[in-house]
Amino acid sequence: NPRHLLDYDEEEDPEMEIEEEEPEEEPVEDRNHYLDTETSLMHTLTHSLET
């Protein structure tokens, strides 16, 4: 998978793609925060559906 991403980035604009997509060397804190945000969002959506 990582190799495929690298090949894809090289064909496109590497720097732009990395900015747009998820950075490879993302700090663990940021990744956890992102996951927490996703989980919170899912909980909010689920709660809205239940109501």
C-alpha atoms as a PDB file:
ATOM      1  CA  ASN A   1       0.000   0.000   0.000  1.00  0.00           C
ATOM      2  CA  PRO A   2       2.626   2.642   0.946  1.00  0.00           C
ATOM      3  CA  ARG A   3       4.504   1.911  -2.265  1.00  0.00           C
ATOM      4  CA  HIS A   4       1.334   2.386  -4.296  1.00  0.00           C
ATOM      5  CA  LEU A   5       0.763   5.751  -2.625  1.00  0.00           C
ATOM      6  CA  LEU A   6       4.303   6.828  -3.408  1.00  0.00           C
ATOM      7  CA  ASP A   7       3.965   5.868  -7.080  1.00  0.00           C
ATOM      8  CA  TYR A   8       0.653   7.694  -7.267  1.00  0.00           C
ATOM      9  CA  ASP A   9       2.105  10.810  -5.648  1.00  0.00           C
ATOM     10  CA  GLU A  10       5.015  10.884  -8.056  1.00  0.00           C
ATOM     11  CA  GLU A  11       2.679  10.825 -11.049  1.00  0.00           C
ATOM     12  CA  GLU A  12       0.593  13.653  -9.659  1.00  0.00           C
ATOM     13  CA  ASP A  13       1.984  16.659  -7.785  1.00  0.00           C
ATOM     14  CA  PRO A  14       3.643  15.091  -4.699  1.00  0.00           C
ATOM     15  CA  GLU A  15       3.518  18.153  -2.446  1.00  0.00           C
ATOM     16  CA  MET A  16      -0.047  19.066  -3.350  1.00  0.00           C
ATOM     17  CA  GLU A  17      -1.247  15.491  -2.897  1.00  0.00           C
ATOM     18  CA  ILE A  18       0.407  15.174   0.516  1.00  0.00           C
ATOM     19  CA  GLU A  19      -1.265  18.415   1.623  1.00  0.00           C
ATOM     20  CA  GLU A  20      -4.671  17.356   0.314  1.00  0.00           C
ATOM     21  CA  GLU A  21      -4.529  13.757   1.467  1.00  0.00           C
ATOM     22  CA  GLU A  22      -3.447  12.331   4.811  1.00  0.00           C
ATOM     23  CA  PRO A  23       0.266  13.041   5.484  1.00  0.00           C
ATOM     24  CA  GLU A  24       2.455   9.948   5.728  1.00  0.00           C
ATOM     25  CA  GLU A  25       4.507  11.252   8.660  1.00  0.00           C
ATOM     26  CA  GLU A  26       1.580  12.420  10.758  1.00  0.00           C
ATOM     27  CA  PRO A  27       2.230  12.763  14.517  1.00  0.00           C
ATOM     28  CA  VAL A  28       0.453  10.181  16.646  1.00  0.00           C
ATOM     29  CA  GLU A  29      -1.295  12.926  18.606  1.00  0.00           C
ATOM     30  CA  ASP A  30      -2.847  14.375  15.452  1.00  0.00           C
ATOM     31  CA  ARG A  31      -3.890  10.939  14.244  1.00  0.00           C
ATOM     32  CA  ASN A  32      -5.540  10.169  17.587  1.00  0.00           C
ATOM     33  CA  HIS A  33      -7.278  13.536  17.561  1.00  0.00           C
ATOM     34  CA  TYR A  34      -8.558  12.796  14.064  1.00  0.00           C
ATOM     35  CA  LEU A  35      -9.854   9.416  15.170  1.00  0.00           C
ATOM     36  CA  ASP A  36     -11.503  10.980  18.222  1.00  0.00           C
ATOM     37  CA  THR A  37     -13.180  13.548  15.979  1.00  0.00           C
ATOM     38  CA  GLU A  38     -14.423  10.786  13.683  1.00  0.00           C
ATOM     39  CA  THR A  39     -15.794   8.817  16.631  1.00  0.00           C
ATOM     40  CA  SER A  40     -17.500  11.883  18.069  1.00  0.00           C
ATOM     41  CA  LEU A  41     -19.030  12.638  14.690  1.00  0.00           C
ATOM     42  CA  MET A  42     -20.341   9.087  14.361  1.00  0.00           C
ATOM     43  CA  HIS A  43     -21.827   9.211  17.858  1.00  0.00           C
ATOM     44  CA  THR A  44     -23.509  12.505  17.033  1.00  0.00           C
ATOM     45  CA  LEU A  45     -24.979  11.119  13.810  1.00  0.00           C
ATOM     46  CA  THR A  46     -26.165   7.932  15.494  1.00  0.00           C
ATOM     47  CA  HIS A  47     -27.742   9.897  18.325  1.00  0.00           C
ATOM     48  CA  SER A  48     -29.508  12.165  15.836  1.00  0.00           C
ATOM     49  CA  LEU A  49     -30.954   9.141  14.040  1.00  0.00           C
ATOM     50  CA  GLU A  50     -32.199   7.639  17.301  1.00  0.00           C
ATOM     51  CA  THR A  51     -33.969  10.831  18.320  1.00  0.00           C
END
